[in-house]
Protein backbone atom coordinates (compact mmCIF):
# COMPACT_ATOMS: atom_id res chain seq x y z
CA MET A 1 -0.04 -0.13 0.11
CA PHE A 2 2.72 2.42 0.98
CA TYR A 3 4.89 1.74 -1.90
CA ARG A 4 2.04 1.51 -4.50
CA GLU A 5 2.97 3.42 -7.73
CA ALA A 6 -0.71 4.09 -8.56
CA GLY A 7 -0.87 7.77 -10.07
CA GLN A 8 3.16 7.91 -10.74
CA PHE A 9 3.40 8.25 -14.51
CA LYS A 10 6.65 8.63 -16.42
CA ALA A 11 6.44 11.34 -19.27
CA SER A 12 9.92 10.84 -20.69
CA TYR A 13 12.93 8.33 -20.80
CA GLN A 14 15.04 10.38 -18.43
CA GLU A 15 12.14 10.16 -15.59
CA ASP A 16 11.80 6.57 -16.39
CA GLN A 17 15.73 6.08 -15.82
CA GLN A 18 16.00 7.96 -12.69
CA ILE A 19 18.03 5.92 -9.87
CA PHE A 20 14.96 6.07 -7.89
CA PRO A 21 11.83 5.95 -10.01
CA ILE A 22 9.57 5.48 -7.26
CA ARG A 23 8.47 8.71 -5.27
CA GLN A 24 8.46 6.80 -2.03
CA ASP A 25 12.07 5.69 -2.56
CA ARG A 26 13.07 9.25 -3.28
CA ILE A 27 11.62 10.60 -0.20
CA GLY A 28 13.02 7.87 1.73
CA PHE A 29 16.51 8.82 0.31
CA TRP A 30 16.46 12.34 1.23
CA VAL A 31 15.23 11.62 4.59
CA ALA A 32 18.08 9.41 5.09
CA MET A 33 20.64 11.95 3.88
CA ALA A 34 19.05 14.46 6.19
CA PHE A 35 19.41 12.26 9.03
CA LEU A 36 23.14 11.39 8.37
CA PHE A 37 23.93 14.85 7.53
CA LEU A 38 21.98 17.16 10.06
CA ALA A 39 20.76 15.01 12.64
CA VAL A 40 23.75 12.68 13.29
CA PRO A 41 26.45 15.63 13.89
CA MET A 42 23.90 17.06 16.39
CA ILE A 43 22.96 13.80 18.59
CA ALA A 44 26.06 11.65 18.16
CA ASN A 45 29.17 12.06 20.46
CA GLN A 46 32.82 11.85 19.65
CA TYR A 47 32.87 8.24 20.44
CA TRP A 48 30.03 7.13 17.99
CA LEU A 49 31.47 9.50 15.09
CA GLN A 50 35.12 8.33 15.43
CA ALA A 51 34.95 4.50 16.32
CA ILE A 52 31.60 3.48 15.00
CA LEU A 53 29.98 5.54 12.42
CA THR A 54 33.09 6.55 10.29
CA PRO A 55 34.28 2.82 10.13
CA VAL A 56 30.99 1.76 9.05
CA LEU A 57 31.20 4.25 6.06
CA ILE A 58 34.54 3.31 5.01
CA PHE A 59 33.93 -0.45 5.17
CA SER A 60 30.78 0.07 3.27
CA LEU A 61 32.65 1.80 0.56
CA ALA A 62 35.28 -1.40 0.59
CA ALA A 63 32.41 -3.65 0.56
CA LEU A 64 30.80 -1.75 -2.18
CA GLY A 65 34.07 -2.15 -4.24
CA LEU A 66 33.89 -5.95 -3.59
CA ASN A 67 30.43 -6.17 -4.39
CA ILE A 68 31.06 -4.84 -7.97
CA LEU A 69 33.52 -7.29 -8.79
CA THR A 70 31.90 -10.56 -6.93
CA GLY A 71 28.13 -9.56 -6.78
CA TYR A 72 27.78 -7.82 -10.40
CA ALA A 73 30.78 -9.25 -12.25
CA GLY A 74 30.80 -12.74 -10.63
CA GLN A 75 34.80 -12.79 -9.90
CA LEU A 76 35.66 -14.19 -6.53
CA SER A 77 38.32 -12.02 -4.72
CA LEU A 78 40.08 -12.66 -1.39
CA GLY A 79 42.45 -9.55 -1.84
CA SER A 80 40.26 -6.68 -0.91
CA ALA A 81 42.41 -5.66 2.21
CA ALA A 82 45.54 -5.78 -0.10
CA PHE A 83 44.06 -3.52 -2.35
CA MET A 84 43.12 -1.23 0.60
CA ALA A 85 46.74 -1.27 1.61
CA VAL A 86 47.98 0.02 -1.63
CA GLY A 87 45.43 2.91 -1.65
CA ALA A 88 46.62 3.78 1.89
CA PHE A 89 50.45 3.79 1.26
CA GLY A 90 49.75 5.19 -2.23
CA THR A 91 47.70 8.28 -0.73
CA TYR A 92 50.52 8.49 1.94
CA ASN A 93 53.43 8.51 -0.55
CA PHE A 94 51.65 11.08 -2.98
CA MET A 95 51.40 13.50 0.11
CA LEU A 96 54.77 12.84 1.30
CA ARG A 97 56.84 13.16 -1.85
CA ILE A 98 55.03 15.91 -3.63
CA ASP A 99 54.59 19.38 -1.94
CA GLY A 100 51.21 20.80 -1.84
CA MET A 101 49.55 17.65 -2.76
CA PRO A 102 45.92 18.13 -2.17
CA PHE A 103 44.44 15.36 -0.19
CA LEU A 104 41.71 14.85 -2.74
CA VAL A 105 44.04 14.47 -5.43
CA ALA A 106 46.34 12.05 -3.52
CA LEU A 107 43.14 10.01 -2.61
CA VAL A 108 42.33 9.47 -6.38
CA LEU A 109 45.73 8.68 -7.28
CA GLY A 110 45.96 6.07 -4.53
CA GLY A 111 42.93 4.59 -5.91
CA LEU A 112 44.44 4.46 -9.17
CA CYS A 113 47.39 2.92 -8.03
CA ALA A 114 45.24 0.12 -6.29
CA ALA A 115 43.33 -0.12 -9.81
CA ALA A 116 46.59 -0.80 -11.62
CA VAL A 117 47.68 -3.50 -9.06
CA GLY A 118 44.11 -4.83 -9.28
CA ILE A 119 44.20 -5.29 -12.95
CA LEU A 120 47.56 -6.93 -12.68
CA PHE A 121 46.07 -9.58 -10.32
CA GLY A 122 42.99 -9.94 -12.41
CA LEU A 123 44.70 -11.16 -15.18
CA PRO A 124 44.35 -14.74 -14.12
CA SER A 125 40.61 -14.29 -14.33
CA LEU A 126 40.93 -14.52 -18.09
CA ARG A 127 41.71 -18.25 -17.79
CA ILE A 128 40.26 -19.38 -14.51
CA LYS A 129 37.30 -18.79 -12.25
CA GLY A 130 35.57 -19.54 -8.97
CA PHE A 131 37.67 -20.83 -6.20
CA TYR A 132 40.75 -21.13 -8.30
CA LEU A 133 40.54 -17.18 -9.15
CA ALA A 134 40.16 -16.72 -5.28
CA VAL A 135 43.28 -18.21 -4.65
CA ALA A 136 44.81 -16.35 -7.49
CA THR A 137 43.76 -13.19 -5.55
CA LEU A 138 44.75 -14.51 -2.46
CA ALA A 139 48.27 -14.55 -3.76
CA ALA A 140 47.85 -10.41 -4.01
CA GLN A 141 46.88 -10.50 -0.29
CA PHE A 142 50.30 -12.06 0.91
CA PHE A 143 52.42 -10.52 -1.94
CA ILE A 144 51.44 -6.76 -1.52
CA VAL A 145 51.87 -7.02 2.33
CA TRP A 146 55.23 -8.59 1.78
CA VAL A 147 56.21 -5.83 -0.51
CA LEU A 148 55.03 -2.99 1.76
CA VAL A 149 57.09 -4.72 4.81
CA LYS A 150 60.12 -5.68 2.83
CA PHE A 151 60.74 -2.44 0.97
CA GLY A 152 61.13 0.39 3.46
CA TRP A 153 60.56 3.29 0.77
CA PHE A 154 56.69 2.80 0.96
CA SER A 155 56.76 3.65 4.56
CA ASN A 156 59.39 6.33 4.53
CA TYR A 157 62.06 3.86 6.03
CA SER A 158 60.00 3.65 9.40
CA THR A 159 61.83 1.06 11.59
CA SER A 160 58.28 -0.20 12.51
CA GLY A 161 56.71 0.01 9.16
CA VAL A 162 54.06 2.10 10.58
CA ILE A 163 53.01 5.34 8.49
CA THR A 164 51.22 8.23 10.34
CA ALA A 165 48.85 9.96 8.17
CA GLN A 166 49.33 13.89 7.58
CA GLN A 167 47.25 16.55 8.23
CA VAL A 168 44.07 16.59 6.00
CA GLU A 169 43.48 20.02 4.59
CA ILE A 170 40.95 20.85 1.86
CA PHE A 171 41.19 24.53 0.51
CA GLY A 172 43.10 25.39 3.51
CA PHE A 173 40.55 23.89 6.00
CA ALA A 174 41.74 21.38 8.24
CA PHE A 175 39.66 18.37 8.99
CA ASP A 176 41.05 17.37 12.23
CA THR A 177 37.81 16.53 14.47
CA PRO A 178 35.71 13.53 14.49
CA LEU A 179 32.82 15.32 13.17
CA LEU A 180 34.56 16.99 10.42
CA LYS A 181 36.39 13.68 9.37
CA TYR A 182 32.76 11.85 9.46
CA LEU A 183 31.19 14.59 7.24
CA LEU A 184 33.98 14.47 4.56
CA THR A 185 33.80 10.26 4.64
CA LEU A 186 29.98 10.65 4.38
CA VAL A 187 30.33 13.06 1.21
CA ILE A 188 32.99 10.71 -0.41
CA VAL A 189 31.13 7.56 0.24
CA CYS A 190 27.81 8.97 -0.80
CA VAL A 191 29.46 10.32 -4.24
CA PHE A 192 31.03 6.87 -4.79
CA ALA A 193 27.71 4.97 -3.78
CA LEU A 194 25.59 6.98 -6.39
CA PHE A 195 28.41 6.52 -8.93
CA ALA A 196 28.22 2.75 -8.37
CA LYS A 197 24.28 2.78 -8.51
CA ASN A 198 24.55 4.44 -12.03
CA MET A 199 27.31 2.44 -13.15
CA VAL A 200 25.65 -1.00 -12.57
CA ARG A 201 22.44 0.50 -14.45
CA SER A 202 24.35 1.20 -17.46
CA ALA A 203 25.87 -0.63 -20.43
CA THR A 204 28.82 -1.43 -18.23
CA GLY A 205 26.75 -3.03 -15.39
CA ARG A 206 24.87 -5.00 -17.90
CA LYS A 207 28.08 -6.42 -19.37
CA TRP A 208 29.20 -7.42 -15.94
CA MET A 209 26.13 -9.25 -15.07
CA ALA A 210 26.34 -10.89 -18.50
CA VAL A 211 29.60 -12.35 -17.80
CA ARG A 212 28.72 -13.18 -14.27
CA ASP A 213 25.57 -15.34 -15.39
CA MET A 214 27.01 -16.89 -18.46
CA ASP A 215 30.51 -15.87 -19.78
CA VAL A 216 30.32 -18.09 -22.89
CA ALA A 217 26.97 -16.79 -24.21
CA ALA A 218 28.26 -13.08 -23.22
CA GLU A 219 31.26 -13.64 -25.32
CA VAL A 220 29.01 -14.95 -28.11
CA ILE A 221 26.83 -11.94 -28.16
CA GLY A 222 29.96 -9.68 -28.62
CA ILE A 223 31.12 -9.02 -25.02
CA ARG A 224 34.78 -9.00 -24.65
CA LEU A 225 35.74 -10.93 -21.65
CA MET A 226 38.94 -9.59 -21.06
CA GLY A 227 37.98 -6.03 -21.05
CA THR A 228 35.13 -6.40 -19.05
CA LYS A 229 36.68 -8.43 -16.22
CA LEU A 230 39.69 -6.36 -15.98
CA GLN A 231 37.61 -3.23 -15.73
CA ALA A 232 35.60 -4.81 -12.96
CA PHE A 233 38.77 -5.51 -11.23
CA ALA A 234 40.11 -1.97 -11.89
CA ILE A 235 37.02 -0.35 -10.72
CA SER A 236 36.53 -2.57 -7.74
CA SER A 237 40.30 -2.22 -6.54
CA PHE A 238 39.79 1.60 -6.87
CA TYR A 239 36.90 1.65 -4.64
CA CYS A 240 38.91 -0.47 -2.37
CA GLY A 241 42.16 1.79 -2.66
CA VAL A 242 39.95 4.83 -1.63
CA ALA A 243 38.41 3.06 1.40
CA GLY A 244 41.93 1.97 2.49
CA ALA A 245 43.17 5.65 2.19
CA LEU A 246 40.08 6.62 4.22
CA TYR A 247 40.63 3.96 6.82
CA ALA A 248 44.34 5.38 7.46
CA TYR A 249 43.30 9.10 7.36
CA MET A 250 39.71 9.30 8.68
CA TYR A 251 39.69 6.52 11.21
CA LEU A 252 43.04 5.08 12.44
CA GLY A 253 45.51 7.84 11.79
CA THR A 254 48.38 5.19 11.97
CA VAL A 255 48.49 2.10 9.97
CA GLU A 256 50.72 -0.81 9.27
CA PRO A 257 50.86 -3.33 6.43
CA GLU A 258 49.98 -6.13 8.87
CA GLY A 259 46.75 -4.29 9.65
CA PHE A 260 45.54 -5.15 5.98
CA ASN A 261 45.69 -8.69 6.71
CA LEU A 262 43.65 -11.82 5.15
CA ASP A 263 41.25 -11.39 8.33
CA LEU A 264 40.08 -8.08 7.13
CA SER A 265 39.60 -9.40 3.65
CA PHE A 266 37.42 -12.10 4.99
CA ARG A 267 35.59 -9.58 7.01
CA ILE A 268 34.63 -7.59 3.89
CA LEU A 269 33.58 -10.57 1.98
CA PHE A 270 31.24 -11.48 4.81
CA MET A 271 29.91 -8.00 4.86
CA ILE A 272 28.73 -8.56 1.14
CA ILE A 273 27.44 -12.37 1.73
CA ILE A 274 25.40 -11.06 5.00
CA GLY A 275 24.26 -7.83 3.32
CA GLY A 276 23.47 -9.15 -0.14
CA VAL A 277 25.38 -10.19 -3.02
CA GLY A 278 24.91 -8.01 -6.09
CA SER A 279 23.17 -5.10 -4.20
CA ILE A 280 24.37 -1.58 -3.39
CA LEU A 281 22.12 -1.37 -0.24
CA GLY A 282 23.59 -4.70 0.86
CA SER A 283 26.89 -3.35 1.10
CA PHE A 284 25.76 -0.70 3.75
CA ILE A 285 23.63 -3.17 5.73
CA GLY A 286 26.49 -5.87 5.72
CA ALA A 287 29.11 -3.40 6.87
CA ALA A 288 26.75 -1.94 9.57
CA PHE A 289 25.72 -5.64 10.76
CA ILE A 290 29.44 -6.80 10.85
CA VAL A 291 30.80 -3.23 12.56
CA LEU A 292 27.86 -2.86 14.83
CA LEU A 293 26.74 -6.27 16.24
CA PRO A 294 30.17 -6.86 18.09
CA VAL A 295 29.75 -3.64 19.62
CA PHE A 296 26.24 -4.39 20.72
CA LEU A 297 27.44 -7.93 22.05
CA ASN A 298 30.16 -6.19 24.02
CA VAL A 299 27.72 -3.85 25.79
CA VAL A 300 25.27 -6.61 26.65
CA MET A 301 28.02 -9.14 27.78
CA HIS A 302 29.61 -6.53 30.14
CA THR A 303 26.30 -4.88 31.59
CA SER A 304 23.69 -7.59 32.03
CA ILE A 305 25.39 -10.80 31.55
CA GLY A 306 28.75 -9.89 32.68
CA ALA A 307 27.64 -9.64 36.13
CA PHE A 308 27.10 -13.43 36.32
CA VAL A 309 29.78 -14.76 33.69
CA PRO A 310 33.67 -14.45 34.33
CA PRO A 311 35.17 -12.05 31.79
CA ASN A 312 37.08 -14.79 29.80
CA ILE A 313 34.08 -16.79 29.05
CA ALA A 314 31.92 -13.70 28.18
CA ALA A 315 34.44 -12.81 25.73
CA ASN A 316 34.02 -16.32 24.09
CA LEU A 317 30.34 -16.03 24.31
CA GLU A 318 30.45 -12.71 22.24
CA LEU A 319 32.22 -14.65 19.34
CA ILE A 320 29.89 -17.76 19.68
CA ILE A 321 26.58 -15.51 19.45
CA PHE A 322 28.14 -13.49 16.80
CA GLY A 323 28.88 -16.54 14.57
CA GLY A 324 25.47 -18.09 15.28
CA LEU A 325 23.59 -14.85 14.33
CA ILE A 326 25.57 -14.76 10.97
CA VAL A 327 24.62 -18.40 10.36
CA PHE A 328 21.10 -17.79 11.62
CA PHE A 329 20.53 -14.75 9.21
CA LEU A 330 22.07 -16.80 6.27
CA ILE A 331 19.75 -19.48 6.92
CA VAL A 332 16.54 -17.11 7.22
CA GLU A 333 17.58 -15.31 3.94
CA PRO A 334 20.52 -16.42 2.05
CA HIS A 335 20.34 -13.69 -0.26
CA GLY A 336 21.31 -11.24 2.41
CA LEU A 337 19.40 -8.74 4.68
CA ALA A 338 18.75 -6.54 1.72
CA ARG A 339 16.57 -9.02 0.12
CA LEU A 340 14.59 -8.88 3.52
CA TRP A 341 14.06 -5.02 2.70
CA GLN A 342 12.95 -6.06 -1.12
CA LEU A 343 10.19 -8.23 0.32
CA ALA A 344 9.07 -5.94 2.72
CA LYS A 345 8.55 -3.61 0.08
CA GLU A 346 6.65 -5.89 -2.08
CA LYS A 347 4.47 -6.77 0.93
CA LEU A 348 3.74 -3.01 1.74
CA ARG A 349 2.77 -2.64 -2.15
CA ILE A 350 -0.18 -5.08 -1.77
CA TRP A 351 -1.05 -4.45 1.87
CA PRO A 352 -3.60 -5.18 3.49
CA PHE A 353 -4.29 -7.88 0.60
CA PRO A 354 -2.55 -11.11 0.87
CA HIS A 355 0.36 -11.88 -1.10
């Protein structure tokens, strides 16, 4: 009922091709933007802005990059964290070695470095796919971290290999508070999310999905597999590289190569599986789930249950409950939490009549 499109007519192709063709979706989008840009800065404290909301946005961008490659192009990858590391260290070196380098330009250049590395490690996708491709991208995870540790030039010859992010200034304005870092991250993530939404609806996105569904048939109808797959690897790695730079500059401040380990790659993969493979919204839902659920469980364990359970057992219970909830949600809806929202909208369209 609430999502019924009665009376909503499209008078031109431009109106029919809008990102949000349904009026209710457009209203919901602008309400969400108003909440994130206006309400959150007024009600959230520094801890929520710095330790929770900013990483949720950054991991959403990384999950979005992996979703482009895995969800839309059908190429399984386990090297997302490595591409994040390339973006972080690339942005750091561009700002370090080029005087007056603007942060946003360094951010894009760091993402392009990650895209170049992604193309290099995406070459095996021309001959292999599935789990074999995942193993090939797993090599990127170990090789890139090894290179960043082995060659001190990337970390400016730091003895510990740790880099400290420079001060972020845009047009002479310093972004040095949790609120400003949150707002800058939010703007960047929104721009990239809208760009990805348009991209998957274009001819490029249709090529990706054709290759994902049946690459032989896609090649028969004239789609070049090599260019399409490498394009997906490049754009996905670019998104992950930008997320890695934001991870270093907007969230942690100091990072080391070992911080972009295999565990982080698996976390990003879990985000798109739980949120929804092949869904822009699913990338944000999955990132929020993975980041916020452990925080919620930690609070519950230390407030209500912690009074009756020893701390070491409570810590293990957090992991057990976290893993159990992941399995539960995947059993209830294997297509991800974004699919639950789609089902809810379909039921709202015909409420109160039966489906």
